[in-house]
Amino acid sequence: MAKTIMVVDDDDDIRSTVKTVLEKNGYKVVTAINGDDALVKLKKEKPDLVLMDIMMPGTPVREVVPKIKQKVAYLSVVRTSEAEKEELMKSKNIVDFIQKPFDIKELVKRVKVLTGA
């Protein structure tokens, strides 16, 4: 059975690109436009992994992540220091930090590792 990935990003292009790439690699993909939208959709969906942008409008991601039971990998265009990265990775469900722009093959490889696919 296909693994499900939730892609949470306020950028339409990123959401649709990541969705297309992951679907071509056999994943079922659910999208959300921000953390609040993700929390609503997570009441129905049970993805194996949530790929979440760090900077989005609405409730701050730092407040949203603790409410998510699934594994979360951050997607970030913002350059972060090691100290900031350590702070962001403190939540138990944070499993990776993927810097944008990302290489598509690298993204797929990391998703496969994170989902055990």
C-alpha atoms as a PDB file:
ATOM      1  CA  MET A   1       0.000   0.000   0.000  1.00  0.00           C
ATOM      2  CA  ALA A   2       1.282   3.468  -0.897  1.00  0.00           C
ATOM      3  CA  LYS A   3       2.657   5.655   1.878  1.00  0.00           C
ATOM      4  CA  THR A   4       0.866   8.971   2.381  1.00  0.00           C
ATOM      5  CA  ILE A   5       2.730  12.267   2.603  1.00  0.00           C
ATOM      6  CA  MET A   6       1.212  15.582   3.647  1.00  0.00           C
ATOM      7  CA  VAL A   7       2.870  18.613   2.027  1.00  0.00           C
ATOM      8  CA  VAL A   8       2.250  21.831   3.977  1.00  0.00           C
ATOM      9  CA  ASP A   9       3.481  24.963   2.223  1.00  0.00           C
ATOM     10  CA  ASP A  10       1.937  28.343   1.468  1.00  0.00           C
ATOM     11  CA  ASP A  11       3.729  28.459  -1.903  1.00  0.00           C
ATOM     12  CA  ASP A  12       1.528  26.943  -4.651  1.00  0.00           C
ATOM     13  CA  ASP A  13       4.516  26.090  -6.855  1.00  0.00           C
ATOM     14  CA  ILE A  14       6.331  24.193  -4.106  1.00  0.00           C
ATOM     15  CA  ARG A  15       3.172  22.339  -3.065  1.00  0.00           C
ATOM     16  CA  SER A  16       2.321  21.272  -6.602  1.00  0.00           C
ATOM     17  CA  THR A  17       5.920  20.399  -7.543  1.00  0.00           C
ATOM     18  CA  VAL A  18       6.505  18.260  -4.448  1.00  0.00           C
ATOM     19  CA  LYS A  19       3.063  16.635  -4.885  1.00  0.00           C
ATOM     20  CA  THR A  20       3.784  15.758  -8.531  1.00  0.00           C
ATOM     21  CA  VAL A  21       7.258  14.404  -7.798  1.00  0.00           C
ATOM     22  CA  LEU A  22       6.099  12.268  -4.879  1.00  0.00           C
ATOM     23  CA  GLU A  23       3.057  10.940  -6.754  1.00  0.00           C
ATOM     24  CA  LYS A  24       5.317   9.913  -9.660  1.00  0.00           C
ATOM     25  CA  ASN A  25       7.325   7.974  -7.070  1.00  0.00           C
ATOM     26  CA  GLY A  26       4.280   6.056  -5.844  1.00  0.00           C
ATOM     27  CA  TYR A  27       3.191   8.144  -2.866  1.00  0.00           C
ATOM     28  CA  LYS A  28      -0.312   9.345  -2.059  1.00  0.00           C
ATOM     29  CA  VAL A  29      -0.066  13.096  -1.389  1.00  0.00           C
ATOM     30  CA  VAL A  30      -2.325  15.377   0.608  1.00  0.00           C
ATOM     31  CA  THR A  31      -1.644  19.119   0.624  1.00  0.00           C
ATOM     32  CA  ALA A  32      -2.335  21.937   3.055  1.00  0.00           C
ATOM     33  CA  ILE A  33      -1.724  25.665   2.635  1.00  0.00           C
ATOM     34  CA  ASN A  34      -0.613  26.360   6.225  1.00  0.00           C
ATOM     35  CA  GLY A  35      -0.383  24.840   9.691  1.00  0.00           C
ATOM     36  CA  ASP A  36      -4.019  25.540  10.545  1.00  0.00           C
ATOM     37  CA  ASP A  37      -5.183  23.843   7.324  1.00  0.00           C
ATOM     38  CA  ALA A  38      -2.886  20.892   8.113  1.00  0.00           C
ATOM     39  CA  LEU A  39      -4.392  20.439  11.589  1.00  0.00           C
ATOM     40  CA  VAL A  40      -7.916  20.370  10.105  1.00  0.00           C
ATOM     41  CA  LYS A  41      -6.919  17.828   7.436  1.00  0.00           C
ATOM     42  CA  LEU A  42      -5.029  15.681   9.972  1.00  0.00           C
ATOM     43  CA  LYS A  43      -8.360  14.947  11.659  1.00  0.00           C
ATOM     44  CA  LYS A  44      -9.250  12.868   8.554  1.00  0.00           C
ATOM     45  CA  GLU A  45      -5.879  11.995   7.059  1.00  0.00           C
ATOM     46  CA  LYS A  46      -3.191   9.892   8.716  1.00  0.00           C
ATOM     47  CA  PRO A  47      -0.051  10.516   6.643  1.00  0.00           C
ATOM     48  CA  ASP A  48       3.159   8.603   7.222  1.00  0.00           C
ATOM     49  CA  LEU A  49       5.118  11.855   7.019  1.00  0.00           C
ATOM     50  CA  VAL A  50       4.375  15.593   7.045  1.00  0.00           C
ATOM     51  CA  LEU A  51       6.671  17.850   4.999  1.00  0.00           C
ATOM     52  CA  MET A  52       6.169  21.316   6.469  1.00  0.00           C
ATOM     53  CA  ASP A  53       7.474  24.734   5.508  1.00  0.00           C
ATOM     54  CA  ILE A  54       8.795  26.626   8.525  1.00  0.00           C
ATOM     55  CA  MET A  55       7.624  30.117   7.547  1.00  0.00           C
ATOM     56  CA  MET A  56       3.904  30.398   6.747  1.00  0.00           C
ATOM     57  CA  PRO A  57       1.045  32.769   7.545  1.00  0.00           C
ATOM     58  CA  GLY A  58      -1.383  31.826  10.306  1.00  0.00           C
ATOM     59  CA  THR A  59      -0.535  30.042  13.531  1.00  0.00           C
ATOM     60  CA  PRO A  60       3.265  29.827  13.927  1.00  0.00           C
ATOM     61  CA  VAL A  61       4.660  26.446  12.888  1.00  0.00           C
ATOM     62  CA  ARG A  62       6.332  26.115  16.303  1.00  0.00           C
ATOM     63  CA  GLU A  63       2.845  26.045  17.836  1.00  0.00           C
ATOM     64  CA  VAL A  64       1.403  23.696  15.206  1.00  0.00           C
ATOM     65  CA  VAL A  65       4.093  20.977  15.262  1.00  0.00           C
ATOM     66  CA  PRO A  66       3.462  19.830  18.880  1.00  0.00           C
ATOM     67  CA  LYS A  67      -0.183  19.173  17.910  1.00  0.00           C
ATOM     68  CA  ILE A  68       0.875  16.795  15.122  1.00  0.00           C
ATOM     69  CA  LYS A  69       1.321  13.142  16.060  1.00  0.00           C
ATOM     70  CA  GLN A  70       2.984  12.130  12.775  1.00  0.00           C
ATOM     71  CA  LYS A  71       6.641  12.463  11.862  1.00  0.00           C
ATOM     72  CA  VAL A  72       7.452  15.935  10.533  1.00  0.00           C
ATOM     73  CA  ALA A  73      10.282  17.024   8.245  1.00  0.00           C
ATOM     74  CA  TYR A  74      10.789  20.758   7.921  1.00  0.00           C
ATOM     75  CA  LEU A  75      11.199  22.395   4.530  1.00  0.00           C
ATOM     76  CA  SER A  76      13.002  25.705   4.842  1.00  0.00           C
ATOM     77  CA  VAL A  77      14.119  28.354   2.406  1.00  0.00           C
ATOM     78  CA  VAL A  78      15.426  30.409   5.304  1.00  0.00           C
ATOM     79  CA  ARG A  79      19.081  29.835   6.128  1.00  0.00           C
ATOM     80  CA  THR A  80      19.232  28.760   9.737  1.00  0.00           C
ATOM     81  CA  SER A  81      22.146  28.591  12.120  1.00  0.00           C
ATOM     82  CA  GLU A  82      23.019  25.310  13.825  1.00  0.00           C
ATOM     83  CA  ALA A  83      21.623  26.716  17.090  1.00  0.00           C
ATOM     84  CA  GLU A  84      18.299  27.608  15.419  1.00  0.00           C
ATOM     85  CA  LYS A  85      18.194  24.197  13.740  1.00  0.00           C
ATOM     86  CA  GLU A  86      18.772  22.466  17.103  1.00  0.00           C
ATOM     87  CA  GLU A  87      15.936  24.495  18.631  1.00  0.00           C
ATOM     88  CA  LEU A  88      13.599  23.581  15.744  1.00  0.00           C
ATOM     89  CA  MET A  89      14.524  19.901  15.988  1.00  0.00           C
ATOM     90  CA  LYS A  90      13.624  19.655  19.710  1.00  0.00           C
ATOM     91  CA  SER A  91      10.094  18.321  19.162  1.00  0.00           C
ATOM     92  CA  LYS A  92      10.149  14.529  19.326  1.00  0.00           C
ATOM     93  CA  ASN A  93       8.274  14.168  16.032  1.00  0.00           C
ATOM     94  CA  ILE A  94      10.729  16.272  13.977  1.00  0.00           C
ATOM     95  CA  VAL A  95      12.753  13.814  11.928  1.00  0.00           C
ATOM     96  CA  ASP A  96      14.526  15.920   9.292  1.00  0.00           C
ATOM     97  CA  PHE A  97      15.338  19.425   8.096  1.00  0.00           C
ATOM     98  CA  ILE A  98      15.357  19.844   4.306  1.00  0.00           C
ATOM     99  CA  GLN A  99      16.789  23.067   2.906  1.00  0.00           C
ATOM    100  CA  LYS A 100      15.055  24.710  -0.080  1.00  0.00           C
ATOM    101  CA  PRO A 101      15.756  24.799  -2.928  1.00  0.00           C
ATOM    102  CA  PHE A 102      16.157  21.053  -2.755  1.00  0.00           C
ATOM    103  CA  ASP A 103      17.324  18.573  -5.322  1.00  0.00           C
ATOM    104  CA  ILE A 104      14.289  16.499  -6.337  1.00  0.00           C
ATOM    105  CA  LYS A 105      16.186  13.186  -6.315  1.00  0.00           C
ATOM    106  CA  GLU A 106      17.549  14.001  -2.855  1.00  0.00           C
ATOM    107  CA  LEU A 107      14.055  14.887  -1.604  1.00  0.00           C
ATOM    108  CA  VAL A 108      12.633  11.574  -2.852  1.00  0.00           C
ATOM    109  CA  LYS A 109      15.555   9.673  -1.330  1.00  0.00           C
ATOM    110  CA  ARG A 110      15.041  11.325   2.055  1.00  0.00           C
ATOM    111  CA  VAL A 111      11.266  10.736   1.977  1.00  0.00           C
ATOM    112  CA  LYS A 112      11.892   7.039   1.232  1.00  0.00           C
ATOM    113  CA  VAL A 113      14.220   6.793   4.239  1.00  0.00           C
ATOM    114  CA  LEU A 114      11.830   8.687   6.526  1.00  0.00           C
ATOM    115  CA  THR A 115       8.807   6.568   5.548  1.00  0.00           C
ATOM    116  CA  GLY A 116      10.671   3.279   5.477  1.00  0.00           C
ATOM    117  CA  ALA A 117       9.573   2.801   1.853  1.00  0.00           C
END
